[in-house]
Amino acid sequence: MVNLIRASPVKVKILNNPETNNKSLDLILDKSIWKDSNRGKDIITAVIDSGCAIHHPDLKENIIGVYNFTMDNHGNPNDVTDYIGHGTHVSGIIAASYNKFGIVGVAPESKLLILKVIDQNGVGKYDNLVKAIEYAMNWKGPNDERISIINLSLGGVHHSEELHETIKKARNQGVVLVSASGNEGDGDYTTDEKLFPGYYKEVIQVGSINLEGVPSYFSNSNLNLDFVAPGEKVLSTHLDDKYVELTGTSMAAPHITGIIALALNLLKRENKELNLFSVYEFLLSKSKRLGFPSNQEGNGLVHLK
């Protein structure tokens, strides 16, 4: 078994007022963009992670499907119980509903396909990750919906040819893949830290910054880094209907995933072809360099307005 991801729990904070949402949202978008982007409506993201608390009041309206690839709960494929809260947190960053309480996600009317590959011990197998990506590519919703994005807030330190080929296949099918860069950084941009699948060029690799726009010390630096997003003390959905602040590049990646869900609807309005290249070009046009080496910030911070 290969360690793919570990959550980084910080403090629990329960909210009742949506206006006290995590500040990270304001760093990446002006909420006025929600009108033209329909808040991500009709866009589906496969969240491949530790499962999800699918009955959380901020998430239950936006879960469109589930599948469990682990042996948790006797391997029941329909049970994606999240025992560590990581996948629930990631899901909320992308698509927590705009429902007048709790928090709100980047694309609050987008939908989520929850695919569980990380078990209750916080670890998962490469072959299950491959199966989950293939499942996402072939999945069809109740009205023949298809996914557009895969969020991968996980990774392993070993290259896998099978994983890489599956990533390429998904990309060639038109799926946009977003992955965390990893939390093995040492604060030195001259040293490379690689986490797979994030390091593969077919994936949009996202590093972490704090709310002041400074690269996080722990965030992996390498030449293939694409963008950065908030990853420190990010508030989102968690277990037992609660809201928790977590820190890590796992929190940065879903910010970009949510941005892409909005971008796809904006590109549709402009009658532009929807593919990885048009999406990437759009992200580049909305990104701003923060003054750090490319190894630490890639093309910078994306901000929609």
Protein backbone atom coordinates (compact mmCIF):
# COMPACT_ATOMS: atom_id res chain seq x y z
CA MET A 1 0.00 0.00 0.00
CA VAL A 2 1.32 3.41 -0.95
CA ASN A 3 0.64 6.50 1.11
CA LEU A 4 -1.24 8.91 -1.15
CA ILE A 5 -2.34 11.65 1.19
CA ARG A 6 -2.58 12.73 4.81
CA ALA A 7 -4.96 15.37 6.10
CA SER A 8 -3.59 18.23 8.20
CA PRO A 9 -6.28 18.97 10.79
CA VAL A 10 -6.17 22.32 12.51
CA LYS A 11 -8.91 23.83 14.68
CA VAL A 12 -12.65 23.36 14.42
CA LYS A 13 -14.79 26.43 13.83
CA ILE A 14 -18.57 26.16 13.47
CA LEU A 15 -20.24 28.90 11.44
CA ASN A 16 -23.85 29.98 11.05
CA ASN A 17 -23.35 33.07 8.91
CA PRO A 18 -22.28 32.70 5.26
CA GLU A 19 -20.77 36.17 5.32
CA THR A 20 -18.06 34.83 7.62
CA ASN A 21 -16.90 32.49 4.90
CA ASN A 22 -13.23 31.63 4.48
CA LYS A 23 -11.26 34.63 3.27
CA SER A 24 -9.56 32.52 0.62
CA LEU A 25 -12.56 32.94 -1.68
CA ASP A 26 -12.02 36.69 -1.98
CA LEU A 27 -8.40 36.07 -2.96
CA ILE A 28 -9.37 34.16 -6.10
CA LEU A 29 -12.60 35.75 -7.30
CA ASP A 30 -14.95 38.69 -7.25
CA LYS A 31 -18.37 37.15 -6.51
CA SER A 32 -19.91 39.25 -9.28
CA ILE A 33 -18.43 36.66 -11.68
CA TRP A 34 -21.01 34.17 -10.40
CA LYS A 35 -23.73 35.78 -12.50
CA ASP A 36 -22.11 35.14 -15.89
CA SER A 37 -20.69 31.77 -14.83
CA ASN A 38 -23.98 30.51 -13.35
CA ARG A 39 -22.03 29.58 -10.23
CA GLY A 40 -20.72 26.52 -12.05
CA LYS A 41 -24.14 25.10 -12.87
CA ASP A 42 -24.11 21.93 -15.03
CA ILE A 43 -20.37 21.35 -14.46
CA ILE A 44 -19.44 18.11 -12.71
CA THR A 45 -16.18 17.46 -10.87
CA ALA A 46 -14.98 14.03 -9.79
CA VAL A 47 -13.42 14.40 -6.35
CA ILE A 48 -11.05 11.48 -5.88
CA ASP A 49 -10.23 11.51 -2.20
CA SER A 50 -11.17 10.03 1.20
CA GLY A 51 -14.88 10.03 0.49
CA CYS A 52 -17.33 12.64 1.70
CA ALA A 53 -19.91 13.37 4.39
CA ILE A 54 -22.58 13.39 1.69
CA HIS A 55 -25.36 14.46 4.07
CA HIS A 56 -23.57 17.61 5.21
CA PRO A 57 -26.11 20.46 4.80
CA ASP A 58 -23.69 22.43 2.63
CA LEU A 59 -22.98 19.48 0.31
CA LYS A 60 -25.99 17.19 0.06
CA GLU A 61 -27.64 19.13 -2.78
CA ASN A 62 -24.56 18.95 -4.97
CA ILE A 63 -23.59 15.27 -4.75
CA ILE A 64 -24.56 13.56 -8.01
CA GLY A 65 -22.91 10.16 -7.55
CA VAL A 66 -20.57 8.06 -5.38
CA TYR A 67 -18.28 5.03 -5.57
CA ASN A 68 -15.99 3.45 -3.00
CA PHE A 69 -12.76 1.78 -4.18
CA THR A 70 -11.41 1.00 -0.69
CA MET A 71 -12.11 -1.90 1.66
CA ASP A 72 -13.76 0.37 4.23
CA ASN A 73 -17.26 -0.81 5.17
CA HIS A 74 -16.52 -4.22 3.66
CA GLY A 75 -15.81 -2.65 0.29
CA ASN A 76 -19.41 -1.54 -0.22
CA PRO A 77 -19.15 0.47 -3.47
CA ASN A 78 -22.05 2.72 -2.46
CA ASP A 79 -20.59 3.72 0.91
CA VAL A 80 -18.16 6.65 0.69
CA THR A 81 -18.14 7.45 4.40
CA ASP A 82 -15.31 9.88 5.07
CA TYR A 83 -13.51 8.90 8.27
CA ILE A 84 -10.80 11.57 8.20
CA GLY A 85 -12.67 14.59 6.81
CA HIS A 86 -10.20 15.35 4.05
CA GLY A 87 -12.45 14.65 1.07
CA THR A 88 -15.35 16.44 2.75
CA HIS A 89 -13.19 19.53 3.20
CA VAL A 90 -11.99 19.45 -0.41
CA SER A 91 -15.56 19.01 -1.66
CA GLY A 92 -16.75 22.06 0.25
CA ILE A 93 -14.05 24.28 -1.20
CA ILE A 94 -15.26 23.38 -4.68
CA ALA A 95 -19.02 23.25 -4.31
CA ALA A 96 -20.47 24.07 -0.90
CA SER A 97 -23.98 25.38 -1.60
CA TYR A 98 -24.94 29.03 -1.45
CA ASN A 99 -27.76 28.39 1.01
CA LYS A 100 -27.59 31.32 3.46
CA PHE A 101 -25.70 29.44 6.15
CA GLY A 102 -22.33 27.84 6.70
CA ILE A 103 -19.83 28.52 3.93
CA VAL A 104 -19.99 28.77 0.15
CA GLY A 105 -17.79 27.02 -2.40
CA VAL A 106 -16.02 28.53 -5.38
CA ALA A 107 -18.60 27.04 -7.77
CA PRO A 108 -21.63 26.57 -5.50
CA GLU A 109 -24.02 25.23 -8.13
CA SER A 110 -21.61 22.73 -9.67
CA LYS A 111 -22.01 19.01 -8.93
CA LEU A 112 -19.65 16.46 -7.40
CA LEU A 113 -19.00 12.81 -8.18
CA ILE A 114 -17.44 11.41 -5.00
CA LEU A 115 -14.88 8.65 -5.60
CA LYS A 116 -13.23 7.23 -2.49
CA VAL A 117 -9.68 5.86 -2.77
CA ILE A 118 -8.26 6.92 0.60
CA ASP A 119 -9.27 4.68 3.49
CA GLN A 120 -9.93 5.35 7.18
CA ASN A 121 -6.18 5.12 7.85
CA GLY A 122 -5.45 7.94 5.42
CA VAL A 123 -3.78 5.78 2.80
CA GLY A 124 -4.67 4.34 -0.59
CA LYS A 125 -3.35 2.24 -3.46
CA TYR A 126 -2.13 3.43 -6.83
CA ASP A 127 -4.24 0.82 -8.63
CA ASN A 128 -7.39 2.13 -6.95
CA LEU A 129 -6.47 5.65 -8.03
CA VAL A 130 -6.14 4.39 -11.60
CA LYS A 131 -9.52 2.63 -11.34
CA ALA A 132 -11.14 5.79 -9.99
CA ILE A 133 -9.83 7.94 -12.84
CA GLU A 134 -11.08 5.39 -15.37
CA TYR A 135 -14.43 5.23 -13.60
CA ALA A 136 -14.70 9.02 -13.74
CA MET A 137 -13.93 9.06 -17.46
CA ASN A 138 -16.62 6.47 -18.21
CA TRP A 139 -19.26 7.63 -15.72
CA LYS A 140 -22.62 8.88 -16.94
CA GLY A 141 -25.16 10.63 -14.75
CA PRO A 142 -28.91 10.01 -14.61
CA ASN A 143 -29.38 12.33 -17.58
CA ASP A 144 -26.22 11.20 -19.41
CA GLU A 145 -24.12 13.90 -17.73
CA ARG A 146 -20.34 13.56 -17.94
CA ILE A 147 -17.61 14.93 -15.72
CA SER A 148 -15.47 17.83 -16.90
CA ILE A 149 -12.88 18.02 -14.11
CA ILE A 150 -11.06 15.64 -11.77
CA ASN A 151 -9.69 16.98 -8.48
CA LEU A 152 -6.74 15.05 -7.05
CA SER A 153 -5.79 16.44 -3.65
CA LEU A 154 -3.55 13.44 -3.06
CA GLY A 155 -0.43 11.84 -4.39
CA GLY A 156 2.47 9.45 -4.01
CA VAL A 157 6.21 9.95 -4.26
CA HIS A 158 6.68 7.18 -6.85
CA HIS A 159 6.14 7.51 -10.59
CA SER A 160 3.70 4.98 -12.02
CA GLU A 161 3.60 4.34 -15.73
CA GLU A 162 0.07 2.95 -15.47
CA LEU A 163 -1.09 6.04 -13.60
CA HIS A 164 0.61 8.33 -16.10
CA GLU A 165 -0.99 6.56 -19.06
CA THR A 166 -4.40 6.79 -17.42
CA ILE A 167 -3.86 10.50 -16.79
CA LYS A 168 -2.99 10.96 -20.48
CA LYS A 169 -6.08 9.05 -21.52
CA ALA A 170 -8.31 11.26 -19.38
CA ARG A 171 -6.67 14.40 -20.71
CA ASN A 172 -7.11 13.22 -24.30
CA GLN A 173 -10.78 12.60 -23.56
CA GLY A 174 -11.13 16.27 -22.65
CA VAL A 175 -11.10 15.97 -18.87
CA VAL A 176 -9.22 18.70 -17.00
CA LEU A 177 -7.16 17.24 -14.14
CA VAL A 178 -6.13 19.34 -11.16
CA SER A 179 -3.75 18.10 -8.47
CA ALA A 180 -2.05 19.28 -5.30
CA SER A 181 1.69 19.84 -5.61
CA GLY A 182 2.38 18.21 -2.24
CA ASN A 183 3.43 19.24 1.26
CA GLU A 184 7.04 18.09 1.27
CA GLY A 185 8.48 21.53 0.54
CA ASP A 186 11.50 22.86 2.44
CA GLY A 187 11.09 26.56 1.65
CA ASP A 188 14.00 26.44 -0.81
CA TYR A 189 12.88 27.06 -4.39
CA THR A 190 16.15 25.64 -5.78
CA THR A 191 15.26 22.13 -4.61
CA ASP A 192 12.61 20.08 -6.38
CA GLU A 193 9.96 18.07 -4.54
CA LYS A 194 7.79 15.85 -6.72
CA LEU A 195 4.42 14.29 -5.98
CA PHE A 196 2.55 12.19 -8.51
CA PRO A 197 0.21 12.68 -10.31
CA GLY A 198 0.66 16.43 -9.76
CA TYR A 199 4.11 16.47 -11.32
CA TYR A 200 2.87 15.06 -14.64
CA LYS A 201 2.61 17.80 -17.25
CA GLU A 202 -0.87 16.65 -18.27
CA VAL A 203 -2.13 17.74 -14.84
CA ILE A 204 -2.63 21.30 -13.58
CA GLN A 205 -0.38 21.26 -10.52
CA VAL A 206 -1.32 23.71 -7.76
CA GLY A 207 0.88 25.00 -4.94
CA SER A 208 -0.13 26.81 -1.77
CA ILE A 209 0.12 30.44 -0.69
CA ASN A 210 -1.04 32.18 2.46
CA LEU A 211 -3.59 35.00 2.55
CA GLU A 212 -0.79 37.53 2.10
CA GLY A 213 0.16 35.94 -1.23
CA VAL A 214 3.40 34.35 -0.02
CA PRO A 215 4.23 30.75 -1.03
CA SER A 216 3.72 28.36 1.86
CA TYR A 217 6.89 26.94 3.34
CA PHE A 218 5.59 23.36 3.00
CA SER A 219 4.42 23.72 -0.62
CA ASN A 220 6.40 21.61 -3.10
CA SER A 221 8.52 23.61 -5.54
CA ASN A 222 9.36 22.30 -9.00
CA LEU A 223 9.53 23.31 -12.65
CA ASN A 224 6.13 21.81 -13.50
CA LEU A 225 4.15 23.94 -11.04
CA ASP A 226 1.28 25.67 -12.85
CA PHE A 227 -0.52 27.96 -10.40
CA VAL A 228 -0.92 28.76 -6.71
CA ALA A 229 -4.01 29.23 -4.58
CA PRO A 230 -4.83 29.73 -0.89
CA GLY A 231 -3.82 26.69 1.16
CA GLU A 232 -3.33 27.92 4.72
CA LYS A 233 -6.08 27.87 7.35
CA VAL A 234 -8.76 27.33 4.73
CA LEU A 235 -12.25 26.98 6.18
CA SER A 236 -14.54 24.35 4.69
CA THR A 237 -17.01 21.56 5.38
CA HIS A 238 -16.06 18.67 7.67
CA LEU A 239 -17.48 15.72 9.58
CA ASP A 240 -20.54 15.90 11.84
CA ASP A 241 -21.95 18.86 9.89
CA LYS A 242 -19.08 21.02 11.10
CA TYR A 243 -16.63 23.44 9.48
CA VAL A 244 -12.88 23.15 9.97
CA GLU A 245 -9.76 25.06 9.00
CA LEU A 246 -7.18 22.86 7.27
CA THR A 247 -3.80 23.67 5.80
CA GLY A 248 -2.06 22.08 2.81
CA THR A 249 -1.76 22.05 -0.96
CA SER A 250 -4.78 19.72 -0.81
CA MET A 251 -6.77 22.84 0.02
CA ALA A 252 -5.15 24.93 -2.74
CA ALA A 253 -6.00 22.55 -5.60
CA PRO A 254 -9.82 22.62 -5.19
CA HIS A 255 -9.77 26.42 -5.35
CA ILE A 256 -8.44 26.10 -8.91
CA THR A 257 -10.88 23.26 -9.63
CA GLY A 258 -13.77 25.53 -8.65
CA ILE A 259 -12.36 28.33 -10.78
CA ILE A 260 -12.26 25.96 -13.76
CA ALA A 261 -15.92 25.01 -13.19
CA LEU A 262 -16.78 28.70 -13.45
CA ALA A 263 -14.43 29.17 -16.41
CA LEU A 264 -16.08 26.39 -18.42
CA ASN A 265 -19.40 28.22 -18.24
CA LEU A 266 -17.76 31.52 -19.12
CA LEU A 267 -16.12 29.91 -22.16
CA LYS A 268 -19.47 28.43 -23.20
CA ARG A 269 -20.98 31.92 -23.18
CA GLU A 270 -18.23 33.03 -25.56
CA ASN A 271 -18.82 29.99 -27.79
CA LYS A 272 -15.23 28.91 -27.32
CA GLU A 273 -14.11 25.31 -27.67
CA LEU A 274 -13.98 23.56 -24.31
CA ASN A 275 -10.70 21.70 -23.90
CA LEU A 276 -7.63 21.73 -21.69
CA PHE A 277 -5.87 24.26 -23.91
CA SER A 278 -8.70 26.81 -23.89
CA VAL A 279 -9.10 26.35 -20.13
CA TYR A 280 -5.38 26.77 -19.52
CA GLU A 281 -5.24 29.82 -21.75
CA PHE A 282 -8.15 31.29 -19.78
CA LEU A 283 -6.39 30.63 -16.46
CA LEU A 284 -3.23 32.26 -17.77
CA SER A 285 -5.18 35.34 -18.84
CA LYS A 286 -6.58 35.66 -15.30
CA SER A 287 -3.37 34.94 -13.41
CA LYS A 288 -0.98 37.39 -11.80
CA ARG A 289 2.61 36.78 -10.82
CA LEU A 290 3.35 37.40 -7.15
CA GLY A 291 7.05 38.12 -7.45
CA PHE A 292 8.49 34.72 -6.59
CA PRO A 293 10.45 32.19 -8.68
CA SER A 294 8.40 30.08 -11.10
CA ASN A 295 9.35 26.97 -9.12
CA GLN A 296 7.34 28.38 -6.21
CA GLU A 297 4.39 30.06 -7.89
CA GLY A 298 4.19 28.73 -11.44
CA ASN A 299 2.16 31.27 -13.44
CA GLY A 300 0.93 32.90 -10.27
CA LEU A 301 -2.44 33.39 -8.59
CA VAL A 302 -5.66 33.15 -10.62
CA HIS A 303 -8.30 35.79 -9.85
CA LEU A 304 -11.66 36.05 -11.63
CA LYS A 305 -13.51 39.35 -11.81
